[in-house]
Amino acid sequence: MTIFAPMSQDFEKYAFPDGKRYNSFVGYFKRRYGERLQKIVLDAGFTCPNRDVKVGRGGCTYCDNAAFHPAYSTAGKSLHQQMDEGIEFHKVRYRTTEHYLAYFQSFSNTYAPLSRLRELYEEALGHPDVVGIVIGTRPDCVDEEKLDYLADLSQGKILAGWSRTVASQVRTAPIVIVEYGVESCYDRTLLRINRGHDFETARRAITMTAERGLDVGAHFILGLPGESVQMMLDSCEQINSLPLRSVKFHQLQIVKGTRMEKEYAVCPEDFVRFSLEEYLDFFVDMLERLRPDLFIERFVGEVPPRFVNETPWGLIRNVELLRLLEQRLATRATWQGRLL
């Protein structure tokens, strides 16, 4: 489904923000809101329906949540303590940042009654340095009531008197972003990794969220068992058809102690494992097939070395990987959406 005008073959006539060859999420908040906004990862003590037997048990086969959030974010601490420690943590690197987004990341952050969600979200928004919330969740953990509440929250209908000055402008409603873990466009993959939902469930949730005017992001894992390189490239058509503002991609990292580690030991031939050079070229191939209006929030994931048995790419950091991606795009004289 094409939802944008055909792209000129002259790249210079279709310049992305920041002079890049893809629609980078870096600086997106600064362009939209006038200043840099940093996410503070929170663990609010949620679980998932494929952990508590509602739709399954054991969780996703690749998941160890401890591998994906920082040390300051633990469920035993209050939200305000996590936010205060997170702000101190990020001030070391981002000294000029003044405002933050409370990022409910761990597990499924809409998997509770609405009364509990309101309590948590509004507590986070009470922090004086927080200007919005980002909610990471599963597509089978939302409904119209919860999404209506989030829409009202984003439109200033919930928190009377709430205000923050961002880039010299007064906001009377918080920023609200919903991020869905979709992981794959293929139902057989979702079944194999024990997600507990199908792709149509993801499409429905994303559409319901976008229809309410909320910003929607989605997360996908590249290299899940049973998926070939061509299957991953073909999934761009499905991704393009979703009403998303942003996407995150992570290469599959096999975490110690997970069921996927055992599966990989038995059936390594079912996994596509990229070298760094292979992944850079593969992701450029992905970008060429993705809508140019999609913001690419991440294209790789970082798991602390203690959680994995091998680090085939070494200890290269995200900032260097981004530089290599931009270099590869320039070398190949291509850009996001070129093949569309």
C-alpha atoms as a PDB file:
ATOM      1  CA  MET A   1       0.000   0.000   0.000  1.00  0.00           C
ATOM      2  CA  THR A   2       1.628   3.252  -1.128  1.00  0.00           C
ATOM      3  CA  ILE A   3       0.677   6.201   1.063  1.00  0.00           C
ATOM      4  CA  PHE A   4       3.124   8.833  -0.132  1.00  0.00           C
ATOM      5  CA  ALA A   5       4.061  10.506  -3.390  1.00  0.00           C
ATOM      6  CA  PRO A   6       6.663   8.725  -5.556  1.00  0.00           C
ATOM      7  CA  MET A   7      10.187   9.624  -4.494  1.00  0.00           C
ATOM      8  CA  SER A   8      12.451  11.487  -6.890  1.00  0.00           C
ATOM      9  CA  GLN A   9      15.470   9.516  -8.077  1.00  0.00           C
ATOM     10  CA  ASP A  10      17.565  12.600  -7.321  1.00  0.00           C
ATOM     11  CA  PHE A  11      18.495  12.159  -3.650  1.00  0.00           C
ATOM     12  CA  GLU A  12      19.381  15.825  -3.292  1.00  0.00           C
ATOM     13  CA  LYS A  13      15.768  16.742  -3.977  1.00  0.00           C
ATOM     14  CA  TYR A  14      14.595  14.490  -1.146  1.00  0.00           C
ATOM     15  CA  ALA A  15      16.912  15.469   1.686  1.00  0.00           C
ATOM     16  CA  PHE A  16      16.131  13.891   5.041  1.00  0.00           C
ATOM     17  CA  PRO A  17      16.478  15.942   8.238  1.00  0.00           C
ATOM     18  CA  ASP A  18      20.021  16.391   9.538  1.00  0.00           C
ATOM     19  CA  GLY A  19      21.414  15.744   6.033  1.00  0.00           C
ATOM     20  CA  LYS A  20      21.200  11.976   6.439  1.00  0.00           C
ATOM     21  CA  ARG A  21      20.212   9.337   3.890  1.00  0.00           C
ATOM     22  CA  TYR A  22      17.567   7.863   6.146  1.00  0.00           C
ATOM     23  CA  ASN A  23      14.902   9.277   8.449  1.00  0.00           C
ATOM     24  CA  SER A  24      16.829   9.242  11.709  1.00  0.00           C
ATOM     25  CA  PHE A  25      14.993   9.424  15.025  1.00  0.00           C
ATOM     26  CA  VAL A  26      18.050  11.102  16.534  1.00  0.00           C
ATOM     27  CA  GLY A  27      17.060  14.717  16.924  1.00  0.00           C
ATOM     28  CA  TYR A  28      13.406  14.025  16.086  1.00  0.00           C
ATOM     29  CA  PHE A  29      12.159  15.346  19.428  1.00  0.00           C
ATOM     30  CA  LYS A  30      14.379  18.389  19.058  1.00  0.00           C
ATOM     31  CA  ARG A  31      12.900  19.165  15.645  1.00  0.00           C
ATOM     32  CA  ARG A  32       9.359  18.619  16.846  1.00  0.00           C
ATOM     33  CA  TYR A  33       9.518  20.031  20.365  1.00  0.00           C
ATOM     34  CA  GLY A  34      12.449  22.435  20.121  1.00  0.00           C
ATOM     35  CA  GLU A  35      14.871  20.643  22.458  1.00  0.00           C
ATOM     36  CA  ARG A  36      16.398  17.258  23.121  1.00  0.00           C
ATOM     37  CA  LEU A  37      14.248  14.906  25.209  1.00  0.00           C
ATOM     38  CA  GLN A  38      15.813  11.845  26.844  1.00  0.00           C
ATOM     39  CA  LYS A  39      13.939   8.672  27.782  1.00  0.00           C
ATOM     40  CA  ILE A  40      14.189   7.425  31.364  1.00  0.00           C
ATOM     41  CA  VAL A  41      13.587   3.659  31.444  1.00  0.00           C
ATOM     42  CA  LEU A  42      11.138   2.530  34.133  1.00  0.00           C
ATOM     43  CA  ASP A  43      10.175  -0.847  35.555  1.00  0.00           C
ATOM     44  CA  ALA A  44       6.670  -0.470  37.004  1.00  0.00           C
ATOM     45  CA  GLY A  45       6.331  -4.108  38.063  1.00  0.00           C
ATOM     46  CA  PHE A  46       4.236  -5.394  35.146  1.00  0.00           C
ATOM     47  CA  THR A  47       4.262  -8.893  33.715  1.00  0.00           C
ATOM     48  CA  CYS A  48       3.049 -10.349  30.377  1.00  0.00           C
ATOM     49  CA  PRO A  49       0.091 -12.568  29.416  1.00  0.00           C
ATOM     50  CA  ASN A  50       2.441 -15.189  27.993  1.00  0.00           C
ATOM     51  CA  ARG A  51       4.119 -15.407  31.399  1.00  0.00           C
ATOM     52  CA  ASP A  52       1.124 -15.615  33.747  1.00  0.00           C
ATOM     53  CA  VAL A  53      -0.641 -18.383  31.764  1.00  0.00           C
ATOM     54  CA  LYS A  54      -3.354 -16.100  30.351  1.00  0.00           C
ATOM     55  CA  VAL A  55      -2.127 -16.897  26.819  1.00  0.00           C
ATOM     56  CA  GLY A  56       0.964 -18.954  27.638  1.00  0.00           C
ATOM     57  CA  ARG A  57       3.767 -19.548  30.081  1.00  0.00           C
ATOM     58  CA  GLY A  58       7.490 -18.868  30.152  1.00  0.00           C
ATOM     59  CA  GLY A  59       7.402 -15.642  28.141  1.00  0.00           C
ATOM     60  CA  CYS A  60       8.989 -15.095  24.741  1.00  0.00           C
ATOM     61  CA  THR A  61      11.724 -17.626  24.034  1.00  0.00           C
ATOM     62  CA  TYR A  62      14.390 -14.934  23.502  1.00  0.00           C
ATOM     63  CA  CYS A  63      13.573 -12.809  26.563  1.00  0.00           C
ATOM     64  CA  ASP A  64      15.506 -12.053  29.712  1.00  0.00           C
ATOM     65  CA  ASN A  65      14.233  -8.609  30.645  1.00  0.00           C
ATOM     66  CA  ALA A  66      17.249  -7.901  32.836  1.00  0.00           C
ATOM     67  CA  ALA A  67      19.370  -7.785  29.677  1.00  0.00           C
ATOM     68  CA  PHE A  68      17.393  -4.906  28.220  1.00  0.00           C
ATOM     69  CA  HIS A  69      17.176  -2.236  30.905  1.00  0.00           C
ATOM     70  CA  PRO A  70      19.700  -0.194  32.912  1.00  0.00           C
ATOM     71  CA  ALA A  71      20.695  -0.837  36.528  1.00  0.00           C
ATOM     72  CA  TYR A  72      18.758   2.150  37.897  1.00  0.00           C
ATOM     73  CA  SER A  73      15.496   0.673  36.582  1.00  0.00           C
ATOM     74  CA  THR A  74      14.305  -2.021  38.987  1.00  0.00           C
ATOM     75  CA  ALA A  75      10.805  -2.844  40.164  1.00  0.00           C
ATOM     76  CA  GLY A  76      11.743  -2.590  43.851  1.00  0.00           C
ATOM     77  CA  LYS A  77      12.220   1.170  43.578  1.00  0.00           C
ATOM     78  CA  SER A  78       9.481   3.792  43.365  1.00  0.00           C
ATOM     79  CA  LEU A  79       8.917   5.443  39.997  1.00  0.00           C
ATOM     80  CA  HIS A  80      10.234   8.760  41.311  1.00  0.00           C
ATOM     81  CA  GLN A  81      13.413   7.111  42.616  1.00  0.00           C
ATOM     82  CA  GLN A  82      13.969   5.435  39.241  1.00  0.00           C
ATOM     83  CA  MET A  83      13.390   8.727  37.462  1.00  0.00           C
ATOM     84  CA  ASP A  84      15.712  10.684  39.759  1.00  0.00           C
ATOM     85  CA  GLU A  85      18.470   8.078  39.372  1.00  0.00           C
ATOM     86  CA  GLY A  86      17.864   7.872  35.621  1.00  0.00           C
ATOM     87  CA  ILE A  87      18.175  11.626  35.253  1.00  0.00           C
ATOM     88  CA  GLU A  88      21.475  11.619  37.170  1.00  0.00           C
ATOM     89  CA  PHE A  89      22.674   8.714  35.005  1.00  0.00           C
ATOM     90  CA  HIS A  90      21.918  10.513  31.732  1.00  0.00           C
ATOM     91  CA  LYS A  91      23.218  13.907  32.844  1.00  0.00           C
ATOM     92  CA  VAL A  92      26.728  12.475  32.666  1.00  0.00           C
ATOM     93  CA  ARG A  93      26.346  11.995  28.908  1.00  0.00           C
ATOM     94  CA  TYR A  94      23.675  14.539  27.982  1.00  0.00           C
ATOM     95  CA  ARG A  95      24.540  17.527  30.129  1.00  0.00           C
ATOM     96  CA  THR A  96      22.333  20.024  28.300  1.00  0.00           C
ATOM     97  CA  THR A  97      19.158  17.911  28.500  1.00  0.00           C
ATOM     98  CA  GLU A  98      16.486  19.606  30.618  1.00  0.00           C
ATOM     99  CA  HIS A  99      13.379  17.474  30.116  1.00  0.00           C
ATOM    100  CA  TYR A 100      12.665  13.765  30.012  1.00  0.00           C
ATOM    101  CA  LEU A 101      10.170  11.163  28.888  1.00  0.00           C
ATOM    102  CA  ALA A 102       9.160   8.460  31.370  1.00  0.00           C
ATOM    103  CA  TYR A 103       9.644   5.249  29.380  1.00  0.00           C
ATOM    104  CA  PHE A 104       7.577   2.350  30.723  1.00  0.00           C
ATOM    105  CA  GLN A 105       9.683  -0.345  29.076  1.00  0.00           C
ATOM    106  CA  SER A 106       9.907  -3.559  31.084  1.00  0.00           C
ATOM    107  CA  PHE A 107       7.371  -6.256  30.159  1.00  0.00           C
ATOM    108  CA  SER A 108       3.843  -5.200  29.021  1.00  0.00           C
ATOM    109  CA  ASN A 109       2.990  -1.762  30.382  1.00  0.00           C
ATOM    110  CA  THR A 110      -0.717  -1.728  29.651  1.00  0.00           C
ATOM    111  CA  TYR A 111      -1.304  -5.166  31.177  1.00  0.00           C
ATOM    112  CA  ALA A 112      -3.328  -4.034  34.197  1.00  0.00           C
ATOM    113  CA  PRO A 113      -6.730  -2.505  34.944  1.00  0.00           C
ATOM    114  CA  LEU A 114      -7.117   1.076  33.722  1.00  0.00           C
ATOM    115  CA  SER A 115      -7.323   2.352  37.309  1.00  0.00           C
ATOM    116  CA  ARG A 116      -3.811   1.007  37.975  1.00  0.00           C
ATOM    117  CA  LEU A 117      -2.452   2.373  34.709  1.00  0.00           C
ATOM    118  CA  ARG A 118      -3.819   5.844  35.477  1.00  0.00           C
ATOM    119  CA  GLU A 119      -2.131   5.777  38.872  1.00  0.00           C
ATOM    120  CA  LEU A 120       1.266   4.852  37.407  1.00  0.00           C
ATOM    121  CA  TYR A 121       1.223   7.115  34.353  1.00  0.00           C
ATOM    122  CA  GLU A 122       0.010  10.129  36.301  1.00  0.00           C
ATOM    123  CA  GLU A 123       2.575   9.522  39.029  1.00  0.00           C
ATOM    124  CA  ALA A 124       5.335   9.623  36.413  1.00  0.00           C
ATOM    125  CA  LEU A 125       3.911  12.784  34.867  1.00  0.00           C
ATOM    126  CA  GLY A 126       4.009  14.413  38.284  1.00  0.00           C
ATOM    127  CA  HIS A 127       7.810  14.540  38.166  1.00  0.00           C
ATOM    128  CA  PRO A 128       8.794  18.170  37.459  1.00  0.00           C
ATOM    129  CA  ASP A 129      11.335  17.247  34.772  1.00  0.00           C
ATOM    130  CA  VAL A 130       9.078  14.811  32.890  1.00  0.00           C
ATOM    131  CA  VAL A 131       7.133  16.128  29.881  1.00  0.00           C
ATOM    132  CA  GLY A 132       5.603  12.908  28.594  1.00  0.00           C
ATOM    133  CA  ILE A 133       5.389   9.132  28.702  1.00  0.00           C
ATOM    134  CA  VAL A 134       6.383   6.362  26.318  1.00  0.00           C
ATOM    135  CA  ILE A 135       4.524   3.101  26.870  1.00  0.00           C
ATOM    136  CA  GLY A 136       6.033  -0.149  25.660  1.00  0.00           C
ATOM    137  CA  THR A 137       3.477  -2.947  25.448  1.00  0.00           C
ATOM    138  CA  ARG A 138       2.052  -5.877  23.511  1.00  0.00           C
ATOM    139  CA  PRO A 139      -0.695  -5.507  20.905  1.00  0.00           C
ATOM    140  CA  ASP A 140      -2.942  -7.914  22.803  1.00  0.00           C
ATOM    141  CA  CYS A 141      -2.797  -5.783  25.970  1.00  0.00           C
ATOM    142  CA  VAL A 142      -4.770  -2.733  24.820  1.00  0.00           C
ATOM    143  CA  ASP A 143      -8.457  -2.048  24.319  1.00  0.00           C
ATOM    144  CA  GLU A 144     -10.606   0.917  23.360  1.00  0.00           C
ATOM    145  CA  GLU A 145     -11.040   2.104  26.961  1.00  0.00           C
ATOM    146  CA  LYS A 146      -7.290   2.243  27.597  1.00  0.00           C
ATOM    147  CA  LEU A 147      -6.579   3.916  24.260  1.00  0.00           C
ATOM    148  CA  ASP A 148      -9.361   6.466  24.798  1.00  0.00           C
ATOM    149  CA  TYR A 149      -7.774   7.375  28.132  1.00  0.00           C
ATOM    150  CA  LEU A 150      -4.336   7.809  26.521  1.00  0.00           C
ATOM    151  CA  ALA A 151      -5.838   9.968  23.775  1.00  0.00           C
ATOM    152  CA  ASP A 152      -7.585  12.156  26.363  1.00  0.00           C
ATOM    153  CA  LEU A 153      -4.338  12.378  28.334  1.00  0.00           C
ATOM    154  CA  SER A 154      -2.438  13.558  25.239  1.00  0.00           C
ATOM    155  CA  GLN A 155      -5.125  16.159  24.497  1.00  0.00           C
ATOM    156  CA  GLY A 156      -5.049  17.773  27.928  1.00  0.00           C
ATOM    157  CA  LYS A 157      -8.406  16.397  29.078  1.00  0.00           C
ATOM    158  CA  ILE A 158      -7.108  14.470  32.100  1.00  0.00           C
ATOM    159  CA  LEU A 159      -4.577  16.367  34.204  1.00  0.00           C
ATOM    160  CA  ALA A 160      -6.099  19.722  35.113  1.00  0.00           C
ATOM    161  CA  GLY A 161      -3.424  22.341  35.705  1.00  0.00           C
ATOM    162  CA  TRP A 162      -0.572  20.201  34.343  1.00  0.00           C
ATOM    163  CA  SER A 163       1.965  22.292  32.422  1.00  0.00           C
ATOM    164  CA  ARG A 164       5.618  22.218  31.414  1.00  0.00           C
ATOM    165  CA  THR A 165       7.682  24.826  29.581  1.00  0.00           C
ATOM    166  CA  VAL A 166       9.488  23.139  26.706  1.00  0.00           C
ATOM    167  CA  ALA A 167      11.701  25.266  24.445  1.00  0.00           C
ATOM    168  CA  SER A 168      10.069  28.446  25.841  1.00  0.00           C
ATOM    169  CA  GLN A 169       6.596  27.181  24.978  1.00  0.00           C
ATOM    170  CA  VAL A 170       4.068  26.127  27.613  1.00  0.00           C
ATOM    171  CA  ARG A 171       2.583  22.674  27.116  1.00  0.00           C
ATOM    172  CA  THR A 172      -0.700  21.944  28.877  1.00  0.00           C
ATOM    173  CA  ALA A 173      -0.793  18.283  27.821  1.00  0.00           C
ATOM    174  CA  PRO A 174       1.909  15.636  28.074  1.00  0.00           C
ATOM    175  CA  ILE A 175       3.513  13.851  25.156  1.00  0.00           C
ATOM    176  CA  VAL A 176       2.097  10.317  24.879  1.00  0.00           C
ATOM    177  CA  ILE A 177       3.711   7.657  22.674  1.00  0.00           C
ATOM    178  CA  VAL A 178       2.761   3.973  22.435  1.00  0.00           C
ATOM    179  CA  GLU A 179       5.348   1.403  21.297  1.00  0.00           C
ATOM    180  CA  TYR A 180       4.236  -2.110  20.375  1.00  0.00           C
ATOM    181  CA  GLY A 181       6.436  -5.172  20.402  1.00  0.00           C
ATOM    182  CA  VAL A 182       5.479  -6.798  17.106  1.00  0.00           C
ATOM    183  CA  GLU A 183       8.779  -8.664  16.542  1.00  0.00           C
ATOM    184  CA  SER A 184       7.763 -10.395  13.290  1.00  0.00           C
ATOM    185  CA  CYS A 185       5.196 -10.099  10.498  1.00  0.00           C
ATOM    186  CA  TYR A 186       4.966 -13.900  10.200  1.00  0.00           C
ATOM    187  CA  ASP A 187       2.482 -15.868  12.302  1.00  0.00           C
ATOM    188  CA  ARG A 188       4.574 -19.041  12.257  1.00  0.00           C
ATOM    189  CA  THR A 189       7.500 -17.098  13.740  1.00  0.00           C
ATOM    190  CA  LEU A 190       5.301 -15.530  16.407  1.00  0.00           C
ATOM    191  CA  LEU A 191       4.067 -19.003  17.341  1.00  0.00           C
ATOM    192  CA  ARG A 192       7.587 -20.410  17.455  1.00  0.00           C
ATOM    193  CA  ILE A 193       8.868 -17.680  19.786  1.00  0.00           C
ATOM    194  CA  ASN A 194       5.810 -18.014  22.065  1.00  0.00           C
ATOM    195  CA  ARG A 195       4.466 -14.494  21.549  1.00  0.00           C
ATOM    196  CA  GLY A 196       0.869 -15.531  22.165  1.00  0.00           C
ATOM    197  CA  HIS A 197      -0.630 -13.283  19.466  1.00  0.00           C
ATOM    198  CA  ASP A 198      -0.667 -13.112  15.667  1.00  0.00           C
ATOM    199  CA  PHE A 199       0.263 -10.317  13.275  1.00  0.00           C
ATOM    200  CA  GLU A 200      -3.358  -9.324  12.696  1.00  0.00           C
ATOM    201  CA  THR A 201      -3.622  -8.530  16.409  1.00  0.00           C
ATOM    202  CA  ALA A 202      -0.673  -6.155  16.001  1.00  0.00           C
ATOM    203  CA  ARG A 203      -2.201  -4.519  12.928  1.00  0.00           C
ATOM    204  CA  ARG A 204      -5.496  -3.976  14.756  1.00  0.00           C
ATOM    205  CA  ALA A 205      -3.861  -2.461  17.856  1.00  0.00           C
ATOM    206  CA  ILE A 206      -1.615  -0.143  15.828  1.00  0.00           C
ATOM    207  CA  THR A 207      -4.557   1.043  13.726  1.00  0.00           C
ATOM    208  CA  MET A 208      -6.757   1.666  16.794  1.00  0.00           C
ATOM    209  CA  THR A 209      -3.972   3.688  18.392  1.00  0.00           C
ATOM    210  CA  ALA A 210      -3.215   5.790  15.313  1.00  0.00           C
ATOM    211  CA  GLU A 211      -6.909   6.505  14.770  1.00  0.00           C
ATOM    212  CA  ARG A 212      -6.908   8.322  18.116  1.00  0.00           C
ATOM    213  CA  GLY A 213      -4.122  10.656  17.043  1.00  0.00           C
ATOM    214  CA  LEU A 214      -1.471   9.017  19.209  1.00  0.00           C
ATOM    215  CA  ASP A 215       2.101   8.560  18.024  1.00  0.00           C
ATOM    216  CA  VAL A 216       2.731   4.851  17.404  1.00  0.00           C
ATOM    217  CA  GLY A 217       6.007   2.954  17.210  1.00  0.00           C
ATOM    218  CA  ALA A 218       6.752  -0.723  16.622  1.00  0.00           C
ATOM    219  CA  HIS A 219       9.648  -3.035  17.420  1.00  0.00           C
ATOM    220  CA  PHE A 220      10.932  -5.837  15.196  1.00  0.00           C
ATOM    221  CA  ILE A 221      13.684  -8.432  15.703  1.00  0.00           C
ATOM    222  CA  LEU A 222      15.794  -9.385  12.687  1.00  0.00           C
ATOM    223  CA  GLY A 223      17.124 -12.938  12.579  1.00  0.00           C
ATOM    224  CA  LEU A 224      14.421 -14.874  14.417  1.00  0.00           C
ATOM    225  CA  PRO A 225      14.474 -18.654  13.840  1.00  0.00           C
ATOM    226  CA  GLY A 226      12.956 -19.878  10.595  1.00  0.00           C
ATOM    227  CA  GLU A 227      13.150 -16.522   8.815  1.00  0.00           C
ATOM    228  CA  SER A 228      15.382 -16.159   5.770  1.00  0.00           C
ATOM    229  CA  VAL A 229      16.967 -12.920   4.620  1.00  0.00           C
ATOM    230  CA  GLN A 230      14.384 -12.691   1.848  1.00  0.00           C
ATOM    231  CA  MET A 231      11.531 -13.139   4.335  1.00  0.00           C
ATOM    232  CA  MET A 232      12.882 -10.285   6.430  1.00  0.00           C
ATOM    233  CA  LEU A 233      13.164  -8.036   3.375  1.00  0.00           C
ATOM    234  CA  ASP A 234       9.660  -8.995   2.238  1.00  0.00           C
ATOM    235  CA  SER A 235       8.281  -7.970   5.634  1.00  0.00           C
ATOM    236  CA  CYS A 236       8.948  -4.326   4.699  1.00  0.00           C
ATOM    237  CA  GLU A 237       5.749  -4.360   2.647  1.00  0.00           C
ATOM    238  CA  GLN A 238       3.716  -5.248   5.745  1.00  0.00           C
ATOM    239  CA  ILE A 239       5.552  -2.682   7.879  1.00  0.00           C
ATOM    240  CA  ASN A 240       4.929   0.017   5.276  1.00  0.00           C
ATOM    241  CA  SER A 241       1.210  -0.730   5.373  1.00  0.00           C
ATOM    242  CA  LEU A 242       0.954   0.035   9.112  1.00  0.00           C
ATOM    243  CA  PRO A 243       0.093   3.583  10.303  1.00  0.00           C
ATOM    244  CA  LEU A 244       3.361   3.913  12.229  1.00  0.00           C
ATOM    245  CA  ARG A 245       5.403   7.006  12.975  1.00  0.00           C
ATOM    246  CA  SER A 246       8.554   5.165  14.081  1.00  0.00           C
ATOM    247  CA  VAL A 247      10.167   1.727  14.002  1.00  0.00           C
ATOM    248  CA  LYS A 248      12.887   0.017  16.027  1.00  0.00           C
ATOM    249  CA  PHE A 249      14.916  -2.889  14.680  1.00  0.00           C
ATOM    250  CA  HIS A 250      17.269  -5.107  16.682  1.00  0.00           C
ATOM    251  CA  GLN A 251      19.465  -7.895  15.409  1.00  0.00           C
ATOM    252  CA  LEU A 252      18.700 -11.097  17.287  1.00  0.00           C
ATOM    253  CA  GLN A 253      21.008 -11.544  20.268  1.00  0.00           C
ATOM    254  CA  ILE A 254      20.847 -14.945  21.923  1.00  0.00           C
ATOM    255  CA  VAL A 255      20.770 -14.348  25.662  1.00  0.00           C
ATOM    256  CA  LYS A 256      22.157 -16.907  28.085  1.00  0.00           C
ATOM    257  CA  GLY A 257      19.620 -18.988  29.969  1.00  0.00           C
ATOM    258  CA  THR A 258      16.751 -18.431  27.543  1.00  0.00           C
ATOM    259  CA  ARG A 259      14.847 -21.129  25.702  1.00  0.00           C
ATOM    260  CA  MET A 260      16.172 -19.662  22.467  1.00  0.00           C
ATOM    261  CA  GLU A 261      19.722 -20.403  23.589  1.00  0.00           C
ATOM    262  CA  LYS A 262      18.769 -24.079  23.858  1.00  0.00           C
ATOM    263  CA  GLU A 263      16.976 -23.969  20.507  1.00  0.00           C
ATOM    264  CA  TYR A 264      20.002 -22.428  18.816  1.00  0.00           C
ATOM    265  CA  ALA A 265      22.268 -25.125  20.255  1.00  0.00           C
ATOM    266  CA  VAL A 266      20.057 -27.829  18.724  1.00  0.00           C
ATOM    267  CA  CYS A 267      19.115 -26.158  15.398  1.00  0.00           C
ATOM    268  CA  PRO A 268      21.688 -23.470  14.507  1.00  0.00           C
ATOM    269  CA  GLU A 269      20.834 -23.904  10.816  1.00  0.00           C
ATOM    270  CA  ASP A 270      17.406 -22.320  11.489  1.00  0.00           C
ATOM    271  CA  PHE A 271      19.023 -18.989  12.365  1.00  0.00           C
ATOM    272  CA  VAL A 272      20.471 -16.299  10.101  1.00  0.00           C
ATOM    273  CA  ARG A 273      23.500 -14.951  11.960  1.00  0.00           C
ATOM    274  CA  PHE A 274      24.967 -11.767  10.496  1.00  0.00           C
ATOM    275  CA  SER A 275      28.524 -10.563  10.691  1.00  0.00           C
ATOM    276  CA  LEU A 276      28.716  -6.792  11.183  1.00  0.00           C
ATOM    277  CA  GLU A 277      29.522  -6.209   7.508  1.00  0.00           C
ATOM    278  CA  GLU A 278      26.670  -8.473   6.427  1.00  0.00           C
ATOM    279  CA  TYR A 279      24.234  -6.748   8.765  1.00  0.00           C
ATOM    280  CA  LEU A 280      25.149  -3.277   7.515  1.00  0.00           C
ATOM    281  CA  ASP A 281      24.479  -4.300   3.904  1.00  0.00           C
ATOM    282  CA  PHE A 282      21.331  -6.162   4.875  1.00  0.00           C
ATOM    283  CA  PHE A 283      19.926  -3.207   6.778  1.00  0.00           C
ATOM    284  CA  VAL A 284      20.658  -0.876   3.877  1.00  0.00           C
ATOM    285  CA  ASP A 285      18.606  -3.311   1.778  1.00  0.00           C
ATOM    286  CA  MET A 286      15.827  -2.954   4.378  1.00  0.00           C
ATOM    287  CA  LEU A 287      16.000   0.834   4.334  1.00  0.00           C
ATOM    288  CA  GLU A 288      15.660   0.919   0.572  1.00  0.00           C
ATOM    289  CA  ARG A 289      12.314  -0.855   0.962  1.00  0.00           C
ATOM    290  CA  LEU A 290      10.919   1.160   3.891  1.00  0.00           C
ATOM    291  CA  ARG A 291       8.659   4.203   3.586  1.00  0.00           C
ATOM    292  CA  PRO A 292      10.745   7.379   3.717  1.00  0.00           C
ATOM    293  CA  ASP A 293       8.384   8.980   6.256  1.00  0.00           C
ATOM    294  CA  LEU A 294       9.087   6.295   8.880  1.00  0.00           C
ATOM    295  CA  PHE A 295      11.492   7.422  11.592  1.00  0.00           C
ATOM    296  CA  ILE A 296      14.137   4.784  12.302  1.00  0.00           C
ATOM    297  CA  GLU A 297      14.604   4.919  16.056  1.00  0.00           C
ATOM    298  CA  ARG A 298      17.081   2.038  16.270  1.00  0.00           C
ATOM    299  CA  PHE A 299      18.631  -0.396  13.814  1.00  0.00           C
ATOM    300  CA  VAL A 300      20.705  -2.431  16.279  1.00  0.00           C
ATOM    301  CA  GLY A 301      20.413  -3.577  19.882  1.00  0.00           C
ATOM    302  CA  GLU A 302      22.989  -3.592  22.641  1.00  0.00           C
ATOM    303  CA  VAL A 303      22.993  -6.321  25.290  1.00  0.00           C
ATOM    304  CA  PRO A 304      25.630  -6.198  28.063  1.00  0.00           C
ATOM    305  CA  PRO A 305      28.344  -8.808  27.332  1.00  0.00           C
ATOM    306  CA  ARG A 306      27.639 -10.703  30.568  1.00  0.00           C
ATOM    307  CA  PHE A 307      24.250 -11.777  29.174  1.00  0.00           C
ATOM    308  CA  VAL A 308      25.562 -13.450  26.014  1.00  0.00           C
ATOM    309  CA  ASN A 309      28.034 -16.242  25.242  1.00  0.00           C
ATOM    310  CA  GLU A 310      29.639 -14.405  22.356  1.00  0.00           C
ATOM    311  CA  THR A 311      30.022 -10.867  21.048  1.00  0.00           C
ATOM    312  CA  PRO A 312      30.800 -11.460  17.349  1.00  0.00           C
ATOM    313  CA  TRP A 313      30.807  -7.727  16.601  1.00  0.00           C
ATOM    314  CA  GLY A 314      33.120  -6.937  19.490  1.00  0.00           C
ATOM    315  CA  LEU A 315      32.216  -4.161  21.930  1.00  0.00           C
ATOM    316  CA  ILE A 316      31.392  -1.575  19.274  1.00  0.00           C
ATOM    317  CA  ARG A 317      29.004   1.106  20.552  1.00  0.00           C
ATOM    318  CA  ASN A 318      25.813   2.367  18.971  1.00  0.00           C
ATOM    319  CA  VAL A 319      27.240   5.743  17.933  1.00  0.00           C
ATOM    320  CA  GLU A 320      29.930   3.994  15.863  1.00  0.00           C
ATOM    321  CA  LEU A 321      27.358   1.642  14.314  1.00  0.00           C
ATOM    322  CA  LEU A 322      25.289   4.641  13.234  1.00  0.00           C
ATOM    323  CA  ARG A 323      28.371   6.168  11.621  1.00  0.00           C
ATOM    324  CA  LEU A 324      29.049   2.923   9.755  1.00  0.00           C
ATOM    325  CA  LEU A 325      25.442   2.768   8.531  1.00  0.00           C
ATOM    326  CA  GLU A 326      25.592   6.296   7.162  1.00  0.00           C
ATOM    327  CA  GLN A 327      28.921   5.499   5.532  1.00  0.00           C
ATOM    328  CA  ARG A 328      27.491   2.363   3.907  1.00  0.00           C
ATOM    329  CA  LEU A 329      24.479   4.285   2.558  1.00  0.00           C
ATOM    330  CA  ALA A 330      26.801   6.865   1.020  1.00  0.00           C
ATOM    331  CA  THR A 331      29.096   4.201  -0.440  1.00  0.00           C
ATOM    332  CA  ARG A 332      26.146   2.502  -2.089  1.00  0.00           C
ATOM    333  CA  ALA A 333      24.678   5.872  -3.169  1.00  0.00           C
ATOM    334  CA  THR A 334      21.271   4.914  -1.799  1.00  0.00           C
ATOM    335  CA  TRP A 335      18.703   6.059   0.772  1.00  0.00           C
ATOM    336  CA  GLN A 336      15.575   5.056   2.652  1.00  0.00           C
ATOM    337  CA  GLY A 337      12.699   4.317   0.313  1.00  0.00           C
ATOM    338  CA  ARG A 338      14.771   4.343  -2.888  1.00  0.00           C
ATOM    339  CA  LEU A 339      13.292   1.091  -4.222  1.00  0.00           C
ATOM    340  CA  LEU A 340       9.737   2.328  -3.690  1.00  0.00           C
END
